[in-house]
Amino acid sequence: MYCPKCGCEYRRGFTQCSDCHVDLVAEPPPVEFDRTEWQDMVKIRTIADPAWLLVAQSVLQGARIRYWAKNEGLQDLIGFGRVGTGFNVMVRPVELHVAKKDVKRANRLLDGLENAGKS
């Protein structure tokens, strides 16, 4: 069973989405993405720490912000990998890109995380 509004999947026996408060349906709703070309993407962060990259990606996914992590797939492919720096010095740190329309919202979310531990 699926929520037609948010797309969450539920086990048998559930009839209503606990977040959206709408009746569940048998088929998942179609996923609709606006087409974002790479030319429309803007770099918002350069990230050397692989753990922080995973957190940033998770936050963006949770907010349904499409992103591109440039160089992510190359980190362990060439040379010595991430030895000592957290990133491969031959391909540079990962660059996190989002669509121009999402820059402010993405930065606000990630800034909030970066500042959460600072008092």
PDB file of N, CA and C in Angstrom:
ATOM      1  N   MET A   1       0.846  -1.181   0.000  1.00  0.00           N
ATOM      2  CA  MET A   1       0.000   0.000   0.000  1.00  0.00           C
ATOM      3  C   MET A   1       0.888   1.241   0.000  1.00  0.00           C
ATOM      4  N   TYR A   2       0.443   2.262  -0.713  1.00  0.00           N
ATOM      5  CA  TYR A   2       1.240   3.477  -0.885  1.00  0.00           C
ATOM      6  C   TYR A   2       0.393   4.724  -0.621  1.00  0.00           C
ATOM      7  N   CYS A   3       1.054   5.750  -0.146  1.00  0.00           N
ATOM      8  CA  CYS A   3       0.386   7.040  -0.001  1.00  0.00           C
ATOM      9  C   CYS A   3       0.410   7.730  -1.359  1.00  0.00           C
ATOM     10  N   PRO A   4      -0.741   8.145  -1.883  1.00  0.00           N
ATOM     11  CA  PRO A   4      -0.772   8.794  -3.196  1.00  0.00           C
ATOM     12  C   PRO A   4      -0.170  10.206  -3.166  1.00  0.00           C
ATOM     13  N   LYS A   5       0.006  10.756  -1.974  1.00  0.00           N
ATOM     14  CA  LYS A   5       0.520  12.121  -1.863  1.00  0.00           C
ATOM     15  C   LYS A   5       2.053  12.153  -1.717  1.00  0.00           C
ATOM     16  N   CYS A   6       2.585  11.414  -0.720  1.00  0.00           N
ATOM     17  CA  CYS A   6       4.028  11.466  -0.460  1.00  0.00           C
ATOM     18  C   CYS A   6       4.789  10.263  -1.008  1.00  0.00           C
ATOM     19  N   GLY A   7       4.073   9.177  -1.369  1.00  0.00           N
ATOM     20  CA  GLY A   7       4.713   8.016  -1.960  1.00  0.00           C
ATOM     21  C   GLY A   7       5.247   6.994  -0.978  1.00  0.00           C
ATOM     22  N   CYS A   8       5.077   7.208   0.330  1.00  0.00           N
ATOM     23  CA  CYS A   8       5.572   6.258   1.329  1.00  0.00           C
ATOM     24  C   CYS A   8       4.874   4.912   1.174  1.00  0.00           C
ATOM     25  N   GLU A   9       5.635   3.844   1.402  1.00  0.00           N
ATOM     26  CA  GLU A   9       5.081   2.498   1.305  1.00  0.00           C
ATOM     27  C   GLU A   9       4.723   2.000   2.702  1.00  0.00           C
ATOM     28  N   TYR A  10       3.583   1.324   2.817  1.00  0.00           N
ATOM     29  CA  TYR A  10       3.106   0.795   4.086  1.00  0.00           C
ATOM     30  C   TYR A  10       2.898  -0.708   3.987  1.00  0.00           C
ATOM     31  N   ARG A  11       3.022  -1.395   5.126  1.00  0.00           N
ATOM     32  CA  ARG A  11       2.751  -2.837   5.195  1.00  0.00           C
ATOM     33  C   ARG A  11       1.250  -3.080   5.118  1.00  0.00           C
ATOM     34  N   ARG A  12       0.903  -4.327   4.862  1.00  0.00           N
ATOM     35  CA  ARG A  12      -0.516  -4.722   4.848  1.00  0.00           C
ATOM     36  C   ARG A  12      -1.162  -4.386   6.180  1.00  0.00           C
ATOM     37  N   GLY A  13      -2.408  -4.023   6.112  1.00  0.00           N
ATOM     38  CA  GLY A  13      -3.147  -3.707   7.324  1.00  0.00           C
ATOM     39  C   GLY A  13      -3.288  -2.219   7.563  1.00  0.00           C
ATOM     40  N   PHE A  14      -2.406  -1.433   6.964  1.00  0.00           N
ATOM     41  CA  PHE A  14      -2.506   0.021   7.089  1.00  0.00           C
ATOM     42  C   PHE A  14      -3.442   0.550   6.006  1.00  0.00           C
ATOM     43  N   THR A  15      -4.235   1.553   6.343  1.00  0.00           N
ATOM     44  CA  THR A  15      -5.199   2.090   5.386  1.00  0.00           C
ATOM     45  C   THR A  15      -5.029   3.585   5.152  1.00  0.00           C
ATOM     46  N   GLN A  16      -4.254   4.241   6.023  1.00  0.00           N
ATOM     47  CA  GLN A  16      -4.113   5.693   5.900  1.00  0.00           C
ATOM     48  C   GLN A  16      -2.665   6.092   6.176  1.00  0.00           C
ATOM     49  N   CYS A  17      -2.181   7.104   5.446  1.00  0.00           N
ATOM     50  CA  CYS A  17      -0.822   7.622   5.646  1.00  0.00           C
ATOM     51  C   CYS A  17      -0.784   8.378   6.975  1.00  0.00           C
ATOM     52  N   SER A  18       0.202   8.046   7.803  1.00  0.00           N
ATOM     53  CA  SER A  18       0.294   8.681   9.122  1.00  0.00           C
ATOM     54  C   SER A  18       0.760  10.131   9.031  1.00  0.00           C
ATOM     55  N   ASP A  19       1.400  10.506   7.941  1.00  0.00           N
ATOM     56  CA  ASP A  19       1.869  11.887   7.768  1.00  0.00           C
ATOM     57  C   ASP A  19       0.864  12.756   7.024  1.00  0.00           C
ATOM     58  N   CYS A  20       0.328  12.228   5.921  1.00  0.00           N
ATOM     59  CA  CYS A  20      -0.556  13.021   5.049  1.00  0.00           C
ATOM     60  C   CYS A  20      -2.030  12.883   5.405  1.00  0.00           C
ATOM     61  N   HIS A  21      -2.373  11.841   6.166  1.00  0.00           N
ATOM     62  CA  HIS A  21      -3.758  11.586   6.574  1.00  0.00           C
ATOM     63  C   HIS A  21      -4.692  11.411   5.375  1.00  0.00           C
ATOM     64  N   VAL A  22      -4.214  10.672   4.365  1.00  0.00           N
ATOM     65  CA  VAL A  22      -5.041  10.326   3.203  1.00  0.00           C
ATOM     66  C   VAL A  22      -5.076   8.809   3.084  1.00  0.00           C
ATOM     67  N   ASP A  23      -6.103   8.286   2.414  1.00  0.00           N
ATOM     68  CA  ASP A  23      -6.233   6.844   2.225  1.00  0.00           C
ATOM     69  C   ASP A  23      -5.143   6.320   1.304  1.00  0.00           C
ATOM     70  N   LEU A  24      -4.633   5.128   1.624  1.00  0.00           N
ATOM     71  CA  LEU A  24      -3.588   4.503   0.827  1.00  0.00           C
ATOM     72  C   LEU A  24      -4.168   3.860  -0.423  1.00  0.00           C
ATOM     73  N   VAL A  25      -3.320   3.693  -1.441  1.00  0.00           N
ATOM     74  CA  VAL A  25      -3.713   3.060  -2.702  1.00  0.00           C
ATOM     75  C   VAL A  25      -2.787   1.878  -2.964  1.00  0.00           C
ATOM     76  N   ALA A  26      -3.198   0.987  -3.867  1.00  0.00           N
ATOM     77  CA  ALA A  26      -2.444  -0.236  -4.136  1.00  0.00           C
ATOM     78  C   ALA A  26      -1.174   0.010  -4.945  1.00  0.00           C
ATOM     79  N   GLU A  27      -1.181   0.963  -5.833  1.00  0.00           N
ATOM     80  CA  GLU A  27      -0.040   1.228  -6.706  1.00  0.00           C
ATOM     81  C   GLU A  27       0.692   2.490  -6.263  1.00  0.00           C
ATOM     82  N   PRO A  28       2.028   2.499  -6.361  1.00  0.00           N
ATOM     83  CA  PRO A  28       2.758   3.718  -5.997  1.00  0.00           C
ATOM     84  C   PRO A  28       2.455   4.842  -6.981  1.00  0.00           C
ATOM     85  N   PRO A  29       2.473   6.084  -6.506  1.00  0.00           N
ATOM     86  CA  PRO A  29       2.226   7.192  -7.430  1.00  0.00           C
ATOM     87  C   PRO A  29       3.395   7.328  -8.400  1.00  0.00           C
ATOM     88  N   PRO A  30       3.153   7.814  -9.600  1.00  0.00           N
ATOM     89  CA  PRO A  30       4.253   7.985 -10.545  1.00  0.00           C
ATOM     90  C   PRO A  30       5.221   9.048 -10.036  1.00  0.00           C
ATOM     91  N   VAL A  31       6.497   8.808 -10.271  1.00  0.00           N
ATOM     92  CA  VAL A  31       7.521   9.771  -9.873  1.00  0.00           C
ATOM     93  C   VAL A  31       7.692  10.763 -11.007  1.00  0.00           C
ATOM     94  N   GLU A  32       7.493  12.012 -10.703  1.00  0.00           N
ATOM     95  CA  GLU A  32       7.625  13.046 -11.714  1.00  0.00           C
ATOM     96  C   GLU A  32       8.775  13.965 -11.338  1.00  0.00           C
ATOM     97  N   PHE A  33       9.725  14.075 -12.233  1.00  0.00           N
ATOM     98  CA  PHE A  33      10.858  14.964 -12.030  1.00  0.00           C
ATOM     99  C   PHE A  33      10.831  16.032 -13.107  1.00  0.00           C
ATOM    100  N   ASP A  34      11.132  17.238 -12.690  1.00  0.00           N
ATOM    101  CA  ASP A  34      11.348  18.239 -13.717  1.00  0.00           C
ATOM    102  C   ASP A  34      12.737  17.985 -14.271  1.00  0.00           C
ATOM    103  N   ARG A  35      12.889  18.103 -15.536  1.00  0.00           N
ATOM    104  CA  ARG A  35      14.165  17.797 -16.165  1.00  0.00           C
ATOM    105  C   ARG A  35      15.148  18.919 -15.876  1.00  0.00           C
ATOM    106  N   THR A  36      16.217  18.573 -15.187  1.00  0.00           N
ATOM    107  CA  THR A  36      17.261  19.530 -14.874  1.00  0.00           C
ATOM    108  C   THR A  36      18.514  19.127 -15.633  1.00  0.00           C
ATOM    109  N   GLU A  37      18.941  19.955 -16.515  1.00  0.00           N
ATOM    110  CA  GLU A  37      20.156  19.691 -17.273  1.00  0.00           C
ATOM    111  C   GLU A  37      21.362  20.053 -16.425  1.00  0.00           C
ATOM    112  N   TRP A  38      22.493  19.446 -16.714  1.00  0.00           N
ATOM    113  CA  TRP A  38      23.683  19.731 -15.923  1.00  0.00           C
ATOM    114  C   TRP A  38      24.090  21.194 -16.035  1.00  0.00           C
ATOM    115  N   GLN A  39      23.730  21.845 -17.144  1.00  0.00           N
ATOM    116  CA  GLN A  39      24.068  23.262 -17.300  1.00  0.00           C
ATOM    117  C   GLN A  39      23.309  24.133 -16.299  1.00  0.00           C
ATOM    118  N   ASP A  40      22.185  23.639 -15.788  1.00  0.00           N
ATOM    119  CA  ASP A  40      21.368  24.392 -14.842  1.00  0.00           C
ATOM    120  C   ASP A  40      21.779  24.143 -13.396  1.00  0.00           C
ATOM    121  N   MET A  41      22.847  23.364 -13.191  1.00  0.00           N
ATOM    122  CA  MET A  41      23.288  23.030 -11.843  1.00  0.00           C
ATOM    123  C   MET A  41      24.346  24.029 -11.370  1.00  0.00           C
ATOM    124  N   VAL A  42      24.335  24.294 -10.045  1.00  0.00           N
ATOM    125  CA  VAL A  42      25.251  25.253  -9.443  1.00  0.00           C
ATOM    126  C   VAL A  42      25.986  24.556  -8.303  1.00  0.00           C
ATOM    127  N   LYS A  43      27.304  24.768  -8.215  1.00  0.00           N
ATOM    128  CA  LYS A  43      28.090  24.178  -7.127  1.00  0.00           C
ATOM    129  C   LYS A  43      27.771  24.920  -5.831  1.00  0.00           C
ATOM    130  N   ILE A  44      27.387  24.154  -4.798  1.00  0.00           N
ATOM    131  CA  ILE A  44      27.082  24.782  -3.508  1.00  0.00           C
ATOM    132  C   ILE A  44      28.091  24.390  -2.421  1.00  0.00           C
ATOM    133  N   ARG A  45      28.809  23.301  -2.606  1.00  0.00           N
ATOM    134  CA  ARG A  45      29.778  22.854  -1.602  1.00  0.00           C
ATOM    135  C   ARG A  45      30.894  22.074  -2.276  1.00  0.00           C
ATOM    136  N   THR A  46      32.079  22.138  -1.687  1.00  0.00           N
ATOM    137  CA  THR A  46      33.173  21.227  -1.996  1.00  0.00           C
ATOM    138  C   THR A  46      33.391  20.429  -0.723  1.00  0.00           C
ATOM    139  N   ILE A  47      33.298  19.113  -0.828  1.00  0.00           N
ATOM    140  CA  ILE A  47      33.291  18.263   0.365  1.00  0.00           C
ATOM    141  C   ILE A  47      34.414  17.231   0.280  1.00  0.00           C
ATOM    142  N   ALA A  48      35.323  17.275   1.256  1.00  0.00           N
ATOM    143  CA  ALA A  48      36.429  16.322   1.304  1.00  0.00           C
ATOM    144  C   ALA A  48      36.120  15.134   2.208  1.00  0.00           C
ATOM    145  N   ASP A  49      35.257  15.314   3.183  1.00  0.00           N
ATOM    146  CA  ASP A  49      34.939  14.271   4.159  1.00  0.00           C
ATOM    147  C   ASP A  49      33.820  13.371   3.619  1.00  0.00           C
ATOM    148  N   PRO A  50      34.122  12.080   3.370  1.00  0.00           N
ATOM    149  CA  PRO A  50      33.102  11.189   2.806  1.00  0.00           C
ATOM    150  C   PRO A  50      31.891  11.008   3.724  1.00  0.00           C
ATOM    151  N   ALA A  51      32.084  11.075   5.026  1.00  0.00           N
ATOM    152  CA  ALA A  51      30.951  10.937   5.952  1.00  0.00           C
ATOM    153  C   ALA A  51      30.027  12.153   5.846  1.00  0.00           C
ATOM    154  N   TRP A  52      30.606  13.343   5.776  1.00  0.00           N
ATOM    155  CA  TRP A  52      29.795  14.559   5.638  1.00  0.00           C
ATOM    156  C   TRP A  52      29.060  14.549   4.299  1.00  0.00           C
ATOM    157  N   LEU A  53      29.686  14.025   3.253  1.00  0.00           N
ATOM    158  CA  LEU A  53      29.031  13.922   1.950  1.00  0.00           C
ATOM    159  C   LEU A  53      27.774  13.060   2.052  1.00  0.00           C
ATOM    160  N   LEU A  54      27.859  11.931   2.741  1.00  0.00           N
ATOM    161  CA  LEU A  54      26.695  11.060   2.906  1.00  0.00           C
ATOM    162  C   LEU A  54      25.571  11.769   3.657  1.00  0.00           C
ATOM    163  N   VAL A  55      25.928  12.529   4.691  1.00  0.00           N
ATOM    164  CA  VAL A  55      24.922  13.269   5.447  1.00  0.00           C
ATOM    165  C   VAL A  55      24.269  14.321   4.543  1.00  0.00           C
ATOM    166  N   ALA A  56      25.078  15.068   3.806  1.00  0.00           N
ATOM    167  CA  ALA A  56      24.550  16.105   2.916  1.00  0.00           C
ATOM    168  C   ALA A  56      23.631  15.504   1.863  1.00  0.00           C
ATOM    169  N   GLN A  57      24.023  14.385   1.280  1.00  0.00           N
ATOM    170  CA  GLN A  57      23.187  13.721   0.282  1.00  0.00           C
ATOM    171  C   GLN A  57      21.872  13.259   0.893  1.00  0.00           C
ATOM    172  N   SER A  58      21.930  12.720   2.089  1.00  0.00           N
ATOM    173  CA  SER A  58      20.724  12.253   2.765  1.00  0.00           C
ATOM    174  C   SER A  58      19.759  13.406   3.036  1.00  0.00           C
ATOM    175  N   VAL A  59      20.290  14.533   3.476  1.00  0.00           N
ATOM    176  CA  VAL A  59      19.456  15.710   3.755  1.00  0.00           C
ATOM    177  C   VAL A  59      18.803  16.211   2.467  1.00  0.00           C
ATOM    178  N   LEU A  60      19.565  16.284   1.393  1.00  0.00           N
ATOM    179  CA  LEU A  60      19.011  16.753   0.120  1.00  0.00           C
ATOM    180  C   LEU A  60      17.955  15.783  -0.410  1.00  0.00           C
ATOM    181  N   GLN A  61      18.216  14.492  -0.297  1.00  0.00           N
ATOM    182  CA  GLN A  61      17.227  13.504  -0.738  1.00  0.00           C
ATOM    183  C   GLN A  61      15.954  13.627   0.076  1.00  0.00           C
ATOM    184  N   GLY A  62      16.089  13.789   1.386  1.00  0.00           N
ATOM    185  CA  GLY A  62      14.926  13.926   2.256  1.00  0.00           C
ATOM    186  C   GLY A  62      14.088  15.150   1.918  1.00  0.00           C
ATOM    187  N   ALA A  63      14.747  16.198   1.436  1.00  0.00           N
ATOM    188  CA  ALA A  63      14.051  17.428   1.051  1.00  0.00           C
ATOM    189  C   ALA A  63      13.632  17.393  -0.419  1.00  0.00           C
ATOM    190  N   ARG A  64      13.860  16.254  -1.068  1.00  0.00           N
ATOM    191  CA  ARG A  64      13.534  16.069  -2.494  1.00  0.00           C
ATOM    192  C   ARG A  64      14.204  17.123  -3.380  1.00  0.00           C
ATOM    193  N   ILE A  65      15.466  17.401  -3.048  1.00  0.00           N
ATOM    194  CA  ILE A  65      16.281  18.305  -3.865  1.00  0.00           C
ATOM    195  C   ILE A  65      17.222  17.440  -4.690  1.00  0.00           C
ATOM    196  N   ARG A  66      17.111  17.551  -5.999  1.00  0.00           N
ATOM    197  CA  ARG A  66      17.995  16.785  -6.880  1.00  0.00           C
ATOM    198  C   ARG A  66      19.386  17.387  -6.819  1.00  0.00           C
ATOM    199  N   TYR A  67      20.395  16.517  -6.800  1.00  0.00           N
ATOM    200  CA  TYR A  67      21.774  16.977  -6.701  1.00  0.00           C
ATOM    201  C   TYR A  67      22.675  16.141  -7.592  1.00  0.00           C
ATOM    202  N   TRP A  68      23.881  16.641  -7.785  1.00  0.00           N
ATOM    203  CA  TRP A  68      24.910  15.927  -8.529  1.00  0.00           C
ATOM    204  C   TRP A  68      26.187  16.028  -7.713  1.00  0.00           C
ATOM    205  N   ALA A  69      26.787  14.907  -7.376  1.00  0.00           N
ATOM    206  CA  ALA A  69      28.035  14.880  -6.623  1.00  0.00           C
ATOM    207  C   ALA A  69      29.175  14.619  -7.606  1.00  0.00           C
ATOM    208  N   LYS A  70      29.721  15.692  -8.154  1.00  0.00           N
ATOM    209  CA  LYS A  70      30.791  15.597  -9.155  1.00  0.00           C
ATOM    210  C   LYS A  70      32.046  15.008  -8.524  1.00  0.00           C
ATOM    211  N   ASN A  71      32.652  14.067  -9.175  1.00  0.00           N
ATOM    212  CA  ASN A  71      33.879  13.366  -8.765  1.00  0.00           C
ATOM    213  C   ASN A  71      33.641  12.269  -7.735  1.00  0.00           C
ATOM    214  N   GLU A  72      32.423  12.049  -7.308  1.00  0.00           N
ATOM    215  CA  GLU A  72      32.172  11.043  -6.277  1.00  0.00           C
ATOM    216  C   GLU A  72      32.604   9.656  -6.731  1.00  0.00           C
ATOM    217  N   GLY A  73      32.288   9.281  -7.939  1.00  0.00           N
ATOM    218  CA  GLY A  73      32.619   7.949  -8.427  1.00  0.00           C
ATOM    219  C   GLY A  73      34.087   7.744  -8.731  1.00  0.00           C
ATOM    220  N   LEU A  74      34.857   8.813  -8.770  1.00  0.00           N
ATOM    221  CA  LEU A  74      36.274   8.713  -9.106  1.00  0.00           C
ATOM    222  C   LEU A  74      37.188   8.624  -7.892  1.00  0.00           C
ATOM    223  N   GLN A  75      36.663   8.838  -6.702  1.00  0.00           N
ATOM    224  CA  GLN A  75      37.505   8.940  -5.506  1.00  0.00           C
ATOM    225  C   GLN A  75      38.385   7.711  -5.274  1.00  0.00           C
ATOM    226  N   ASP A  76      37.890   6.524  -5.488  1.00  0.00           N
ATOM    227  CA  ASP A  76      38.658   5.311  -5.221  1.00  0.00           C
ATOM    228  C   ASP A  76      39.115   4.622  -6.502  1.00  0.00           C
ATOM    229  N   LEU A  77      38.967   5.285  -7.612  1.00  0.00           N
ATOM    230  CA  LEU A  77      39.272   4.673  -8.906  1.00  0.00           C
ATOM    231  C   LEU A  77      40.729   4.865  -9.321  1.00  0.00           C
ATOM    232  N   ILE A  78      41.298   6.007  -9.009  1.00  0.00           N
ATOM    233  CA  ILE A  78      42.611   6.376  -9.524  1.00  0.00           C
ATOM    234  C   ILE A  78      43.635   6.450  -8.402  1.00  0.00           C
ATOM    235  N   GLY A  79      44.827   5.910  -8.637  1.00  0.00           N
ATOM    236  CA  GLY A  79      45.943   6.077  -7.717  1.00  0.00           C
ATOM    237  C   GLY A  79      45.712   5.474  -6.345  1.00  0.00           C
ATOM    238  N   PHE A  80      45.997   6.251  -5.325  1.00  0.00           N
ATOM    239  CA  PHE A  80      45.943   5.776  -3.944  1.00  0.00           C
ATOM    240  C   PHE A  80      44.591   5.972  -3.279  1.00  0.00           C
ATOM    241  N   GLY A  81      43.600   6.380  -4.006  1.00  0.00           N
ATOM    242  CA  GLY A  81      42.291   6.578  -3.414  1.00  0.00           C
ATOM    243  C   GLY A  81      42.264   7.777  -2.492  1.00  0.00           C
ATOM    244  N   ARG A  82      41.710   7.598  -1.302  1.00  0.00           N
ATOM    245  CA  ARG A  82      41.508   8.711  -0.369  1.00  0.00           C
ATOM    246  C   ARG A  82      42.558   8.751   0.742  1.00  0.00           C
ATOM    247  N   VAL A  83      43.712   8.221   0.523  1.00  0.00           N
ATOM    248  CA  VAL A  83      44.728   8.089   1.560  1.00  0.00           C
ATOM    249  C   VAL A  83      45.072   9.440   2.184  1.00  0.00           C
ATOM    250  N   GLY A  84      44.833   9.537   3.487  1.00  0.00           N
ATOM    251  CA  GLY A  84      45.279  10.682   4.277  1.00  0.00           C
ATOM    252  C   GLY A  84      44.462  11.952   4.194  1.00  0.00           C
ATOM    253  N   THR A  85      43.771  12.203   3.095  1.00  0.00           N
ATOM    254  CA  THR A  85      43.082  13.480   2.924  1.00  0.00           C
ATOM    255  C   THR A  85      41.567  13.365   2.996  1.00  0.00           C
ATOM    256  N   GLY A  86      41.048  12.159   2.847  1.00  0.00           N
ATOM    257  CA  GLY A  86      39.601  11.976   2.779  1.00  0.00           C
ATOM    258  C   GLY A  86      39.089  12.068   1.358  1.00  0.00           C
ATOM    259  N   PHE A  87      39.942  12.524   0.447  1.00  0.00           N
ATOM    260  CA  PHE A  87      39.580  12.598  -0.973  1.00  0.00           C
ATOM    261  C   PHE A  87      40.803  12.262  -1.802  1.00  0.00           C
ATOM    262  N   ASN A  88      40.602  11.917  -3.045  1.00  0.00           N
ATOM    263  CA  ASN A  88      41.693  11.590  -3.957  1.00  0.00           C
ATOM    264  C   ASN A  88      42.292  12.878  -4.488  1.00  0.00           C
ATOM    265  N   VAL A  89      43.566  13.111  -4.204  1.00  0.00           N
ATOM    266  CA  VAL A  89      44.215  14.364  -4.604  1.00  0.00           C
ATOM    267  C   VAL A  89      44.335  14.508  -6.115  1.00  0.00           C
ATOM    268  N   MET A  90      44.236  13.408  -6.845  1.00  0.00           N
ATOM    269  CA  MET A  90      44.328  13.482  -8.305  1.00  0.00           C
ATOM    270  C   MET A  90      43.033  13.995  -8.942  1.00  0.00           C
ATOM    271  N   VAL A  91      41.885  13.736  -8.302  1.00  0.00           N
ATOM    272  CA  VAL A  91      40.611  14.171  -8.888  1.00  0.00           C
ATOM    273  C   VAL A  91      39.925  15.257  -8.079  1.00  0.00           C
ATOM    274  N   ARG A  92      40.540  15.655  -6.942  1.00  0.00           N
ATOM    275  CA  ARG A  92      40.025  16.737  -6.095  1.00  0.00           C
ATOM    276  C   ARG A  92      38.829  16.271  -5.266  1.00  0.00           C
ATOM    277  N   PRO A  93      38.407  17.068  -4.284  1.00  0.00           N
ATOM    278  CA  PRO A  93      37.246  16.700  -3.470  1.00  0.00           C
ATOM    279  C   PRO A  93      35.963  16.668  -4.301  1.00  0.00           C
ATOM    280  N   VAL A  94      34.942  16.095  -3.729  1.00  0.00           N
ATOM    281  CA  VAL A  94      33.638  16.014  -4.380  1.00  0.00           C
ATOM    282  C   VAL A  94      32.987  17.395  -4.372  1.00  0.00           C
ATOM    283  N   GLU A  95      32.417  17.765  -5.505  1.00  0.00           N
ATOM    284  CA  GLU A  95      31.670  19.023  -5.617  1.00  0.00           C
ATOM    285  C   GLU A  95      30.186  18.692  -5.624  1.00  0.00           C
ATOM    286  N   LEU A  96      29.440  19.322  -4.739  1.00  0.00           N
ATOM    287  CA  LEU A  96      28.006  19.090  -4.641  1.00  0.00           C
ATOM    288  C   LEU A  96      27.277  20.188  -5.407  1.00  0.00           C
ATOM    289  N   HIS A  97      26.477  19.790  -6.407  1.00  0.00           N
ATOM    290  CA  HIS A  97      25.746  20.719  -7.265  1.00  0.00           C
ATOM    291  C   HIS A  97      24.245  20.495  -7.108  1.00  0.00           C
ATOM    292  N   VAL A  98      23.469  21.578  -7.159  1.00  0.00           N
ATOM    293  CA  VAL A  98      22.000  21.499  -7.173  1.00  0.00           C
ATOM    294  C   VAL A  98      21.481  22.433  -8.256  1.00  0.00           C
ATOM    295  N   ALA A  99      20.210  22.284  -8.607  1.00  0.00           N
ATOM    296  CA  ALA A  99      19.588  23.167  -9.595  1.00  0.00           C
ATOM    297  C   ALA A  99      19.563  24.597  -9.056  1.00  0.00           C
ATOM    298  N   LYS A 100      19.663  25.567  -9.959  1.00  0.00           N
ATOM    299  CA  LYS A 100      19.673  26.978  -9.568  1.00  0.00           C
ATOM    300  C   LYS A 100      18.483  27.328  -8.682  1.00  0.00           C
ATOM    301  N   LYS A 101      17.325  26.766  -8.986  1.00  0.00           N
ATOM    302  CA  LYS A 101      16.108  27.094  -8.230  1.00  0.00           C
ATOM    303  C   LYS A 101      16.149  26.568  -6.800  1.00  0.00           C
ATOM    304  N   ASP A 102      17.033  25.606  -6.506  1.00  0.00           N
ATOM    305  CA  ASP A 102      17.110  24.995  -5.182  1.00  0.00           C
ATOM    306  C   ASP A 102      18.299  25.452  -4.350  1.00  0.00           C
ATOM    307  N   VAL A 103      19.112  26.370  -4.865  1.00  0.00           N
ATOM    308  CA  VAL A 103      20.343  26.764  -4.189  1.00  0.00           C
ATOM    309  C   VAL A 103      20.083  27.311  -2.788  1.00  0.00           C
ATOM    310  N   LYS A 104      19.160  28.257  -2.654  1.00  0.00           N
ATOM    311  CA  LYS A 104      18.909  28.864  -1.342  1.00  0.00           C
ATOM    312  C   LYS A 104      18.424  27.841  -0.330  1.00  0.00           C
ATOM    313  N   ARG A 105      17.482  27.007  -0.740  1.00  0.00           N
ATOM    314  CA  ARG A 105      16.920  26.012   0.172  1.00  0.00           C
ATOM    315  C   ARG A 105      17.973  24.978   0.570  1.00  0.00           C
ATOM    316  N   ALA A 106      18.769  24.511  -0.397  1.00  0.00           N
ATOM    317  CA  ALA A 106      19.813  23.525  -0.107  1.00  0.00           C
ATOM    318  C   ALA A 106      20.865  24.117   0.832  1.00  0.00           C
ATOM    319  N   ASN A 107      21.292  25.338   0.560  1.00  0.00           N
ATOM    320  CA  ASN A 107      22.282  25.980   1.427  1.00  0.00           C
ATOM    321  C   ASN A 107      21.740  26.171   2.838  1.00  0.00           C
ATOM    322  N   ARG A 108      20.487  26.550   2.957  1.00  0.00           N
ATOM    323  CA  ARG A 108      19.880  26.748   4.272  1.00  0.00           C
ATOM    324  C   ARG A 108      19.876  25.432   5.060  1.00  0.00           C
ATOM    325  N   LEU A 109      19.523  24.332   4.405  1.00  0.00           N
ATOM    326  CA  LEU A 109      19.504  23.030   5.066  1.00  0.00           C
ATOM    327  C   LEU A 109      20.904  22.601   5.505  1.00  0.00           C
ATOM    328  N   LEU A 110      21.869  22.736   4.602  1.00  0.00           N
ATOM    329  CA  LEU A 110      23.228  22.293   4.912  1.00  0.00           C
ATOM    330  C   LEU A 110      23.913  23.227   5.905  1.00  0.00           C
ATOM    331  N   ASP A 111      23.647  24.524   5.821  1.00  0.00           N
ATOM    332  CA  ASP A 111      24.188  25.465   6.804  1.00  0.00           C
ATOM    333  C   ASP A 111      23.678  25.122   8.194  1.00  0.00           C
ATOM    334  N   GLY A 112      22.402  24.773   8.277  1.00  0.00           N
ATOM    335  CA  GLY A 112      21.808  24.406   9.558  1.00  0.00           C
ATOM    336  C   GLY A 112      22.490  23.197  10.167  1.00  0.00           C
ATOM    337  N   LEU A 113      22.861  22.234   9.340  1.00  0.00           N
ATOM    338  CA  LEU A 113      23.567  21.051   9.844  1.00  0.00           C
ATOM    339  C   LEU A 113      24.978  21.389  10.303  1.00  0.00           C
ATOM    340  N   GLU A 114      25.658  22.187   9.515  1.00  0.00           N
ATOM    341  CA  GLU A 114      27.032  22.551   9.856  1.00  0.00           C
ATOM    342  C   GLU A 114      27.088  23.346  11.154  1.00  0.00           C
ATOM    343  N   ASN A 115      26.072  24.165  11.404  1.00  0.00           N
ATOM    344  CA  ASN A 115      26.069  25.002  12.596  1.00  0.00           C
ATOM    345  C   ASN A 115      25.406  24.354  13.800  1.00  0.00           C
ATOM    346  N   ALA A 116      24.803  23.180  13.607  1.00  0.00           N
ATOM    347  CA  ALA A 116      24.046  22.532  14.687  1.00  0.00           C
ATOM    348  C   ALA A 116      24.921  22.192  15.887  1.00  0.00           C
ATOM    349  N   GLY A 117      26.152  21.784  15.652  1.00  0.00           N
ATOM    350  CA  GLY A 117      27.013  21.398  16.764  1.00  0.00           C
ATOM    351  C   GLY A 117      27.782  22.552  17.371  1.00  0.00           C
ATOM    352  N   LYS A 118      27.689  23.727  16.786  1.00  0.00           N
ATOM    353  CA  LYS A 118      28.439  24.883  17.273  1.00  0.00           C
ATOM    354  C   LYS A 118      27.564  25.722  18.188  1.00  0.00           C
ATOM    355  N   SER A 119      28.059  26.033  19.356  1.00  0.00           N
ATOM    356  CA  SER A 119      27.289  26.866  20.289  1.00  0.00           C
ATOM    357  C   SER A 119      28.122  28.008  20.787  1.00  0.00           C
TER     358      SER A 119
END
